[in-house]
Amino acid sequence: MSKTAKAILLVVLLVFSFHYAVAEDLTAMTDEELLDLRLKINLELAARMEAVIVPEGMTIAEIFPDPVLAIKVRDEIGAISTKDAVTQKELDTIRYIAVNGAVSGETHDLKDLSGIEYLRNLETIRFVRQENLTSIPEAIENCVHLREIDLRSCGITVLPNSICNLLKLKELDLSGNPLTALPDDIGNLQSLKELDISYTKITELPASIRNLSLEDFRRQGLDLD
């Protein structure tokens, strides 16, 4: 196998396998070892896709227990009620979802992102001023098409390391959260161009952040070495 083909396989591995420990020096592997690795990746992909397919007959409210998120999903797919059954095909049409702290005088109180993994084609998440949103589920990694995550002024205290598997992510805004640290593997986000950690509680950056090629790195209000 040519060096070019091996390089392409490395990209496929990084984008789809989600296990960085496996991504070692492919140029040192034999063709048989590479074929075996490709088989493992394909099996993993199939298993992951099967795991995030909505069971038949489930309602929007059952999949998304947070009522605010359920209503947003309802509106995006054009359903009448959150008690309506929904299919994976319908959820796959959602590319963008947003919840702001106040819209037209209404207060939105998002607390729980359970079910987010079923929005497999999401490209943009924008949850702003959601003080009761304190965590992001590990399953966020299943939203592999995410390009922008905006979590300004929420109540996020910790980010799952699985967010570092979102290799298409270009913009990440964490400003104004009581966040104390970035994930150790933040450097895996090779597409990331904009990162905002201003006015968080972060006091130290992980070593892997040096692997990023950031065009806009905002960190106002922080005392970093």
Protein backbone atom coordinates (compact mmCIF):
# COMPACT_ATOMS: atom_id res chain seq x y z
CA MET A 1 0.00 0.00 0.00
CA SER A 2 1.35 3.44 -0.98
CA LYS A 3 2.21 6.14 1.56
CA THR A 4 -0.63 8.26 0.13
CA ALA A 5 -3.15 5.49 0.69
CA LYS A 6 -1.89 5.02 4.24
CA ALA A 7 -2.20 8.75 4.90
CA ILE A 8 -5.80 8.70 3.67
CA LEU A 9 -6.54 5.76 5.92
CA LEU A 10 -5.11 7.69 8.89
CA VAL A 11 -7.56 10.53 8.20
CA VAL A 12 -10.43 8.03 8.00
CA LEU A 13 -9.29 6.50 11.27
CA LEU A 14 -9.16 9.84 13.06
CA VAL A 15 -12.52 10.99 11.75
CA PHE A 16 -14.47 7.83 12.31
CA SER A 17 -12.86 5.51 14.85
CA PHE A 18 -12.98 7.90 17.86
CA HIS A 19 -10.20 5.95 19.55
CA TYR A 20 -7.06 8.02 19.30
CA ALA A 21 -4.93 5.45 21.07
CA VAL A 22 -5.23 3.32 17.92
CA ALA A 23 -3.93 6.12 15.68
CA GLU A 24 -0.27 5.25 15.75
CA ASP A 25 2.30 5.21 12.93
CA LEU A 26 0.38 3.60 10.05
CA THR A 27 3.42 3.73 7.81
CA ALA A 28 4.97 0.99 9.96
CA MET A 29 1.98 -1.35 9.51
CA THR A 30 1.79 -4.10 6.91
CA ASP A 31 -0.97 -4.18 4.31
CA GLU A 32 -2.61 -7.06 6.19
CA GLU A 33 -2.58 -5.08 9.43
CA LEU A 34 -4.08 -2.05 7.68
CA LEU A 35 -6.86 -4.14 6.16
CA ASP A 36 -7.61 -5.58 9.57
CA LEU A 37 -7.71 -2.07 11.02
CA ARG A 38 -10.14 -0.93 8.29
CA LEU A 39 -12.40 -3.88 9.12
CA LYS A 40 -12.41 -2.91 12.79
CA ILE A 41 -13.28 0.69 11.90
CA ASN A 42 -16.16 -0.43 9.68
CA LEU A 43 -17.52 -2.70 12.40
CA GLU A 44 -17.28 0.11 14.95
CA LEU A 45 -19.07 2.53 12.62
CA ALA A 46 -21.89 0.07 12.03
CA ALA A 47 -22.27 -0.52 15.76
CA ARG A 48 -22.31 3.19 16.55
CA MET A 49 -24.87 4.00 13.85
CA GLU A 50 -27.14 1.21 15.06
CA ALA A 51 -26.82 2.45 18.63
CA VAL A 52 -28.15 5.91 17.80
CA ILE A 53 -31.22 4.97 15.78
CA VAL A 54 -34.45 5.99 17.50
CA PRO A 55 -36.57 2.97 18.45
CA GLU A 56 -39.81 2.78 16.50
CA GLY A 57 -42.81 4.44 18.12
CA MET A 58 -40.95 6.64 20.59
CA THR A 59 -42.28 10.14 21.09
CA ILE A 60 -40.30 13.38 21.01
CA ALA A 61 -40.84 13.83 24.75
CA GLU A 62 -39.59 10.32 25.48
CA ILE A 63 -36.38 10.87 23.51
CA PHE A 64 -35.78 14.41 24.80
CA PRO A 65 -36.94 14.52 28.45
CA ASP A 66 -36.10 18.21 28.80
CA PRO A 67 -39.31 20.01 27.77
CA VAL A 68 -37.47 23.00 26.29
CA LEU A 69 -35.34 20.79 24.04
CA ALA A 70 -38.36 18.67 23.14
CA ILE A 71 -40.30 21.75 22.01
CA LYS A 72 -37.36 22.93 19.90
CA VAL A 73 -37.15 19.54 18.20
CA ARG A 74 -40.91 19.53 17.68
CA ASP A 75 -40.74 22.89 15.95
CA GLU A 76 -37.77 21.94 13.80
CA ILE A 77 -39.45 18.86 12.35
CA GLY A 78 -42.88 20.49 12.11
CA ALA A 79 -44.65 18.15 14.52
CA ILE A 80 -47.86 19.14 16.29
CA SER A 81 -47.02 17.90 19.77
CA THR A 82 -44.05 16.59 21.70
CA LYS A 83 -46.22 13.52 22.29
CA ASP A 84 -46.00 12.71 18.58
CA ALA A 85 -43.92 9.71 17.55
CA VAL A 86 -40.78 10.60 15.63
CA THR A 87 -38.49 8.72 13.27
CA GLN A 88 -34.73 8.85 12.91
CA LYS A 89 -35.24 10.13 9.36
CA GLU A 90 -37.10 13.15 10.73
CA LEU A 91 -34.44 13.86 13.36
CA ASP A 92 -31.73 13.60 10.72
CA THR A 93 -33.21 16.68 8.99
CA ILE A 94 -32.19 18.93 11.91
CA ARG A 95 -29.01 20.87 11.22
CA TYR A 96 -29.39 23.76 13.65
CA ILE A 97 -30.83 24.10 17.14
CA ALA A 98 -30.79 27.11 19.45
CA VAL A 99 -32.15 28.11 22.85
CA ASN A 100 -31.58 31.67 24.04
CA GLY A 101 -32.02 32.95 27.58
CA ALA A 102 -34.90 35.18 26.60
CA VAL A 103 -36.83 35.41 23.35
CA SER A 104 -39.80 37.76 22.98
CA GLY A 105 -40.08 38.09 26.74
CA GLU A 106 -40.25 34.34 27.33
CA THR A 107 -37.74 32.69 29.62
CA HIS A 108 -36.26 29.42 28.42
CA ASP A 109 -34.77 27.09 31.01
CA LEU A 110 -32.79 24.30 29.38
CA LYS A 111 -31.33 21.82 31.84
CA ASP A 112 -30.82 18.45 30.17
CA LEU A 113 -29.37 17.49 26.78
CA SER A 114 -30.31 13.82 26.98
CA GLY A 115 -31.19 12.56 23.52
CA ILE A 116 -28.84 14.95 21.72
CA GLU A 117 -27.06 11.93 20.22
CA TYR A 118 -30.10 11.25 18.00
CA LEU A 119 -29.56 14.59 16.22
CA ARG A 120 -26.85 12.97 14.15
CA ASN A 121 -26.68 15.65 11.44
CA LEU A 122 -26.48 18.68 13.70
CA GLU A 123 -24.04 21.31 12.44
CA THR A 124 -24.74 24.13 14.92
CA ILE A 125 -25.67 24.16 18.61
CA ARG A 126 -26.39 27.54 20.17
CA PHE A 127 -27.46 27.46 23.83
CA VAL A 128 -27.02 30.93 25.32
CA ARG A 129 -27.62 32.10 28.90
CA GLN A 130 -28.83 28.69 30.09
CA GLU A 131 -27.63 28.88 33.70
CA ASN A 132 -29.16 25.53 34.66
CA LEU A 133 -27.38 23.72 31.86
CA THR A 134 -24.41 22.44 33.87
CA SER A 135 -23.09 19.56 31.78
CA ILE A 136 -22.77 18.17 28.27
CA PRO A 137 -23.41 14.43 27.77
CA GLU A 138 -20.63 12.11 26.62
CA ALA A 139 -22.91 11.14 23.73
CA ILE A 140 -22.24 14.53 22.11
CA GLU A 141 -19.53 12.72 20.15
CA ASN A 142 -22.25 11.07 18.04
CA CYS A 143 -23.07 14.47 16.51
CA VAL A 144 -20.09 14.05 14.20
CA HIS A 145 -21.09 16.87 11.82
CA LEU A 146 -21.00 19.63 14.44
CA ARG A 147 -19.12 22.69 13.22
CA GLU A 148 -20.18 25.27 15.80
CA ILE A 149 -20.97 24.99 19.52
CA ASP A 150 -22.03 28.18 21.29
CA LEU A 151 -22.52 27.80 25.04
CA ARG A 152 -22.08 31.40 26.17
CA SER A 153 -23.07 32.22 29.75
CA CYS A 154 -24.41 28.80 30.68
CA GLY A 155 -23.68 26.87 33.86
CA ILE A 156 -21.21 24.41 32.38
CA THR A 157 -18.72 23.25 35.02
CA VAL A 158 -17.04 20.43 33.09
CA LEU A 159 -16.77 19.29 29.48
CA PRO A 160 -16.63 15.60 28.54
CA ASN A 161 -13.44 14.50 26.83
CA SER A 162 -15.67 12.99 24.12
CA ILE A 163 -16.23 16.49 22.75
CA CYS A 164 -12.68 16.18 21.42
CA ASN A 165 -13.94 13.57 18.94
CA LEU A 166 -15.87 16.23 16.98
CA LEU A 167 -13.26 16.60 14.28
CA LYS A 168 -15.32 18.94 12.09
CA LEU A 169 -15.74 21.46 14.91
CA LYS A 170 -14.54 24.93 13.87
CA GLU A 171 -15.99 27.23 16.55
CA LEU A 172 -16.32 26.63 20.29
CA ASP A 173 -17.60 29.39 22.58
CA LEU A 174 -17.45 28.58 26.30
CA SER A 175 -17.26 32.15 27.59
CA GLY A 176 -18.97 33.08 30.82
CA ASN A 177 -19.25 29.52 32.15
CA PRO A 178 -17.99 28.37 35.58
CA LEU A 179 -15.74 25.96 33.69
CA THR A 180 -12.51 25.10 35.50
CA ALA A 181 -10.62 23.14 32.81
CA LEU A 182 -10.57 22.16 29.16
CA PRO A 183 -10.47 18.47 28.22
CA ASP A 184 -6.97 17.00 28.04
CA ASP A 185 -7.46 15.97 24.41
CA ILE A 186 -8.59 19.40 23.17
CA GLY A 187 -5.66 19.28 20.75
CA ASN A 188 -7.43 16.57 18.75
CA LEU A 189 -9.82 19.21 17.37
CA GLN A 190 -7.68 19.86 14.31
CA SER A 191 -10.44 21.81 12.49
CA LEU A 192 -10.95 24.22 15.40
CA LYS A 193 -10.26 27.83 14.40
CA GLU A 194 -12.13 29.87 17.02
CA LEU A 195 -12.04 29.20 20.77
CA ASP A 196 -13.46 31.51 23.43
CA ILE A 197 -12.87 30.71 27.11
CA SER A 198 -13.19 34.30 28.36
CA TYR A 199 -14.50 34.86 31.89
CA THR A 200 -14.43 31.19 32.84
CA LYS A 201 -12.61 29.76 35.86
CA ILE A 202 -9.88 28.12 33.84
CA THR A 203 -6.44 28.69 35.35
CA GLU A 204 -4.35 26.30 33.29
CA LEU A 205 -4.44 25.04 29.70
CA PRO A 206 -3.85 21.41 28.69
CA ALA A 207 -0.58 20.74 26.88
CA SER A 208 -2.37 19.45 23.79
CA ILE A 209 -3.77 22.91 23.01
CA ARG A 210 -0.43 23.59 21.30
CA ASN A 211 -1.57 21.21 18.55
CA LEU A 212 -4.33 23.60 17.48
CA SER A 213 -4.03 26.16 14.70
CA LEU A 214 -6.36 28.75 16.18
CA GLU A 215 -7.12 31.92 14.27
CA ASP A 216 -9.08 33.50 17.13
CA PHE A 217 -8.34 32.51 20.74
CA ARG A 218 -10.20 34.66 23.26
CA ARG A 219 -9.34 34.44 26.95
CA GLN A 220 -10.25 37.81 28.46
CA GLY A 221 -10.53 37.94 32.23
CA LEU A 222 -8.26 34.95 32.79
CA ASP A 223 -4.92 34.73 34.54
CA LEU A 224 -3.08 32.17 32.44
CA ASP A 225 0.64 31.45 32.35
